[in-house]
Amino acid sequence: MEFRDLFKPHFESRCNKLVPRWKRPPAERLKINADGGFSQETGEGSWGFILRDEDGDVLLAGAGKLHHATETWQSELLACIQ
């Protein structure tokens, strides 16, 4: 990442339309984002999650590796239940 890119607004441009990268939850609520993936070739996967408050402050985050996955949903589900 270029140094000057650190000071750009937190928006991506798609077809001359500003699209926010992350939406804040309503006041006094928390928001969790989770994702996972795996390689069909190796059967290995990974998962991750992040929990933020209404100000965008990170309250909890985690990530890990899955050694025996057969479907993407397995790693995504593990991210959710962690």
N, C-alpha and C. Protein backbone atom coordinates (compact mmCIF):
# COMPACT_ATOMS: atom_id res chain seq x y z
N MET A 1 0.84 -1.17 0.00
CA MET A 1 0.00 0.00 0.00
C MET A 1 0.89 1.23 0.00
N GLU A 2 0.52 2.20 -0.80
CA GLU A 2 1.26 3.44 -0.87
C GLU A 2 0.96 4.30 0.35
N PHE A 3 1.94 5.08 0.78
CA PHE A 3 1.75 5.95 1.94
C PHE A 3 0.59 6.91 1.72
N ARG A 4 0.50 7.48 0.52
CA ARG A 4 -0.57 8.45 0.26
C ARG A 4 -1.96 7.81 0.31
N ASP A 5 -2.04 6.49 0.10
CA ASP A 5 -3.32 5.80 0.14
C ASP A 5 -3.88 5.71 1.56
N LEU A 6 -3.03 5.86 2.57
CA LEU A 6 -3.48 5.78 3.95
C LEU A 6 -4.43 6.92 4.31
N PHE A 7 -4.37 8.01 3.56
CA PHE A 7 -5.16 9.19 3.89
C PHE A 7 -6.38 9.36 2.99
N LYS A 8 -6.65 8.40 2.13
CA LYS A 8 -7.83 8.46 1.28
C LYS A 8 -9.06 8.12 2.11
N PRO A 9 -10.24 8.60 1.69
CA PRO A 9 -11.47 8.22 2.41
C PRO A 9 -11.66 6.71 2.35
N HIS A 10 -12.37 6.17 3.32
CA HIS A 10 -12.60 4.73 3.40
C HIS A 10 -13.75 4.31 2.51
N PHE A 11 -13.64 4.61 1.24
CA PHE A 11 -14.65 4.24 0.27
C PHE A 11 -13.96 3.69 -0.97
N GLU A 12 -14.63 2.77 -1.64
CA GLU A 12 -14.16 2.25 -2.91
C GLU A 12 -15.02 2.85 -4.00
N SER A 13 -14.45 3.05 -5.16
CA SER A 13 -15.22 3.60 -6.27
C SER A 13 -15.61 2.47 -7.22
N ARG A 14 -16.89 2.36 -7.49
CA ARG A 14 -17.40 1.40 -8.45
C ARG A 14 -18.30 2.13 -9.42
N CYS A 15 -17.88 2.22 -10.65
CA CYS A 15 -18.69 2.89 -11.68
C CYS A 15 -19.07 4.30 -11.24
N ASN A 16 -18.11 5.05 -10.74
CA ASN A 16 -18.32 6.43 -10.28
C ASN A 16 -19.34 6.54 -9.16
N LYS A 17 -19.50 5.49 -8.40
CA LYS A 17 -20.43 5.47 -7.28
C LYS A 17 -19.64 5.10 -6.03
N LEU A 18 -19.79 5.87 -4.96
CA LEU A 18 -19.07 5.56 -3.73
C LEU A 18 -19.79 4.44 -2.98
N VAL A 19 -19.02 3.42 -2.61
CA VAL A 19 -19.56 2.27 -1.91
C VAL A 19 -18.79 2.12 -0.61
N PRO A 20 -19.47 2.23 0.55
CA PRO A 20 -18.74 2.09 1.82
C PRO A 20 -18.21 0.67 1.99
N ARG A 21 -17.02 0.56 2.59
CA ARG A 21 -16.42 -0.76 2.80
C ARG A 21 -17.00 -1.45 4.03
N TRP A 22 -17.41 -0.69 5.00
CA TRP A 22 -17.95 -1.28 6.23
C TRP A 22 -19.02 -0.35 6.77
N LYS A 23 -20.16 -0.91 7.15
CA LYS A 23 -21.25 -0.10 7.70
C LYS A 23 -21.29 -0.29 9.21
N ARG A 24 -21.40 0.81 9.92
CA ARG A 24 -21.49 0.76 11.38
C ARG A 24 -22.81 0.13 11.81
N PRO A 25 -22.80 -0.58 12.92
CA PRO A 25 -24.07 -1.08 13.46
C PRO A 25 -24.83 0.08 14.12
N PRO A 26 -26.11 -0.11 14.37
CA PRO A 26 -26.88 0.92 15.10
C PRO A 26 -26.28 1.16 16.48
N ALA A 27 -26.65 2.28 17.08
CA ALA A 27 -26.15 2.64 18.41
C ALA A 27 -26.43 1.52 19.41
N GLU A 28 -25.47 1.30 20.28
CA GLU A 28 -25.54 0.29 21.35
C GLU A 28 -25.67 -1.14 20.81
N ARG A 29 -25.20 -1.36 19.61
CA ARG A 29 -25.19 -2.70 19.01
C ARG A 29 -23.76 -3.04 18.62
N LEU A 30 -23.51 -4.32 18.43
CA LEU A 30 -22.22 -4.80 17.96
C LEU A 30 -22.40 -5.43 16.59
N LYS A 31 -21.32 -5.49 15.83
CA LYS A 31 -21.37 -6.11 14.51
C LYS A 31 -20.21 -7.09 14.40
N ILE A 32 -20.53 -8.27 13.89
CA ILE A 32 -19.49 -9.27 13.66
C ILE A 32 -19.41 -9.58 12.17
N ASN A 33 -18.19 -9.61 11.67
CA ASN A 33 -17.93 -10.04 10.30
C ASN A 33 -17.10 -11.30 10.39
N ALA A 34 -17.50 -12.32 9.65
CA ALA A 34 -16.78 -13.60 9.66
C ALA A 34 -16.65 -14.11 8.24
N ASP A 35 -15.58 -14.84 7.99
CA ASP A 35 -15.38 -15.42 6.67
C ASP A 35 -14.46 -16.63 6.81
N GLY A 36 -14.48 -17.44 5.80
CA GLY A 36 -13.62 -18.61 5.78
C GLY A 36 -13.44 -19.09 4.35
N GLY A 37 -12.50 -19.94 4.15
CA GLY A 37 -12.25 -20.50 2.83
C GLY A 37 -11.40 -21.74 2.95
N PHE A 38 -11.29 -22.47 1.84
CA PHE A 38 -10.45 -23.66 1.87
C PHE A 38 -9.97 -23.99 0.46
N SER A 39 -8.97 -24.84 0.40
CA SER A 39 -8.41 -25.30 -0.87
C SER A 39 -8.89 -26.72 -1.13
N GLN A 40 -9.53 -26.94 -2.26
CA GLN A 40 -9.96 -28.29 -2.61
C GLN A 40 -8.77 -29.21 -2.82
N GLU A 41 -7.67 -28.66 -3.28
CA GLU A 41 -6.48 -29.45 -3.56
C GLU A 41 -5.84 -30.03 -2.30
N THR A 42 -5.77 -29.21 -1.24
CA THR A 42 -5.08 -29.65 -0.02
C THR A 42 -6.03 -30.05 1.10
N GLY A 43 -7.28 -29.59 1.04
CA GLY A 43 -8.22 -29.84 2.12
C GLY A 43 -8.00 -28.94 3.32
N GLU A 44 -7.09 -27.98 3.21
CA GLU A 44 -6.82 -27.06 4.30
C GLU A 44 -7.64 -25.79 4.12
N GLY A 45 -8.04 -25.21 5.23
CA GLY A 45 -8.82 -23.99 5.18
C GLY A 45 -8.41 -23.03 6.26
N SER A 46 -9.05 -21.87 6.24
CA SER A 46 -8.80 -20.88 7.28
C SER A 46 -10.09 -20.14 7.55
N TRP A 47 -10.15 -19.52 8.70
CA TRP A 47 -11.33 -18.78 9.11
C TRP A 47 -10.89 -17.55 9.89
N GLY A 48 -11.79 -16.58 9.97
CA GLY A 48 -11.50 -15.39 10.74
C GLY A 48 -12.77 -14.64 11.07
N PHE A 49 -12.71 -13.84 12.12
CA PHE A 49 -13.84 -13.00 12.50
C PHE A 49 -13.34 -11.74 13.18
N ILE A 50 -14.19 -10.72 13.18
CA ILE A 50 -13.89 -9.48 13.89
C ILE A 50 -15.20 -8.94 14.45
N LEU A 51 -15.16 -8.50 15.70
CA LEU A 51 -16.32 -7.94 16.39
C LEU A 51 -16.03 -6.48 16.69
N ARG A 52 -16.92 -5.59 16.22
CA ARG A 52 -16.71 -4.15 16.42
C ARG A 52 -17.94 -3.51 17.05
N ASP A 53 -17.70 -2.38 17.71
CA ASP A 53 -18.81 -1.62 18.27
C ASP A 53 -19.26 -0.55 17.29
N GLU A 54 -20.19 0.29 17.72
CA GLU A 54 -20.77 1.31 16.84
C GLU A 54 -19.76 2.35 16.37
N ASP A 55 -18.63 2.49 17.09
CA ASP A 55 -17.58 3.43 16.69
C ASP A 55 -16.56 2.78 15.77
N GLY A 56 -16.70 1.49 15.52
CA GLY A 56 -15.74 0.78 14.69
C GLY A 56 -14.56 0.24 15.46
N ASP A 57 -14.57 0.41 16.77
CA ASP A 57 -13.47 -0.11 17.59
C ASP A 57 -13.57 -1.63 17.67
N VAL A 58 -12.43 -2.30 17.53
CA VAL A 58 -12.38 -3.76 17.57
C VAL A 58 -12.46 -4.21 19.02
N LEU A 59 -13.43 -5.06 19.31
CA LEU A 59 -13.60 -5.61 20.65
C LEU A 59 -12.99 -7.01 20.76
N LEU A 60 -13.05 -7.75 19.67
CA LEU A 60 -12.55 -9.12 19.65
C LEU A 60 -12.29 -9.52 18.21
N ALA A 61 -11.26 -10.29 17.99
CA ALA A 61 -10.96 -10.79 16.64
C ALA A 61 -10.27 -12.13 16.78
N GLY A 62 -10.38 -12.94 15.77
CA GLY A 62 -9.72 -14.23 15.81
C GLY A 62 -9.56 -14.80 14.41
N ALA A 63 -8.64 -15.71 14.29
CA ALA A 63 -8.39 -16.38 13.02
C ALA A 63 -7.75 -17.73 13.32
N GLY A 64 -7.92 -18.65 12.40
CA GLY A 64 -7.33 -19.96 12.61
C GLY A 64 -7.27 -20.76 11.34
N LYS A 65 -6.71 -21.94 11.48
CA LYS A 65 -6.50 -22.83 10.35
C LYS A 65 -7.33 -24.10 10.54
N LEU A 66 -7.84 -24.63 9.48
CA LEU A 66 -8.62 -25.86 9.48
C LEU A 66 -7.85 -26.87 8.64
N HIS A 67 -7.54 -28.01 9.20
CA HIS A 67 -6.68 -28.97 8.51
C HIS A 67 -7.42 -29.97 7.63
N HIS A 68 -8.70 -30.20 7.90
CA HIS A 68 -9.44 -31.20 7.13
C HIS A 68 -10.80 -30.64 6.75
N ALA A 69 -10.87 -29.91 5.66
CA ALA A 69 -12.13 -29.33 5.18
C ALA A 69 -12.48 -29.94 3.82
N THR A 70 -13.76 -30.10 3.60
CA THR A 70 -14.20 -30.59 2.29
C THR A 70 -15.09 -29.59 1.57
N GLU A 71 -15.59 -28.60 2.32
CA GLU A 71 -16.46 -27.58 1.75
C GLU A 71 -16.13 -26.22 2.38
N THR A 72 -16.38 -25.15 1.64
CA THR A 72 -16.13 -23.80 2.15
C THR A 72 -16.97 -23.51 3.38
N TRP A 73 -18.21 -23.98 3.42
CA TRP A 73 -19.10 -23.67 4.54
C TRP A 73 -18.54 -24.16 5.87
N GLN A 74 -17.70 -25.18 5.86
CA GLN A 74 -17.13 -25.68 7.11
C GLN A 74 -16.24 -24.62 7.77
N SER A 75 -15.40 -23.98 6.97
CA SER A 75 -14.52 -22.96 7.54
C SER A 75 -15.30 -21.71 7.91
N GLU A 76 -16.34 -21.37 7.14
CA GLU A 76 -17.16 -20.21 7.47
C GLU A 76 -17.96 -20.46 8.76
N LEU A 77 -18.47 -21.66 8.93
CA LEU A 77 -19.21 -22.01 10.13
C LEU A 77 -18.29 -21.97 11.36
N LEU A 78 -17.08 -22.46 11.21
CA LEU A 78 -16.13 -22.43 12.33
C LEU A 78 -15.83 -20.99 12.73
N ALA A 79 -15.73 -20.09 11.77
CA ALA A 79 -15.50 -18.68 12.07
C ALA A 79 -16.66 -18.13 12.89
N CYS A 80 -17.87 -18.53 12.57
CA CYS A 80 -19.06 -18.03 13.28
C CYS A 80 -19.15 -18.56 14.71
N ILE A 81 -18.81 -19.80 14.92
CA ILE A 81 -18.98 -20.38 16.26
C ILE A 81 -17.80 -20.08 17.19
N GLN A 82 -16.71 -19.59 16.66
CA GLN A 82 -15.58 -19.25 17.52
C GLN A 82 -15.93 -18.03 18.32
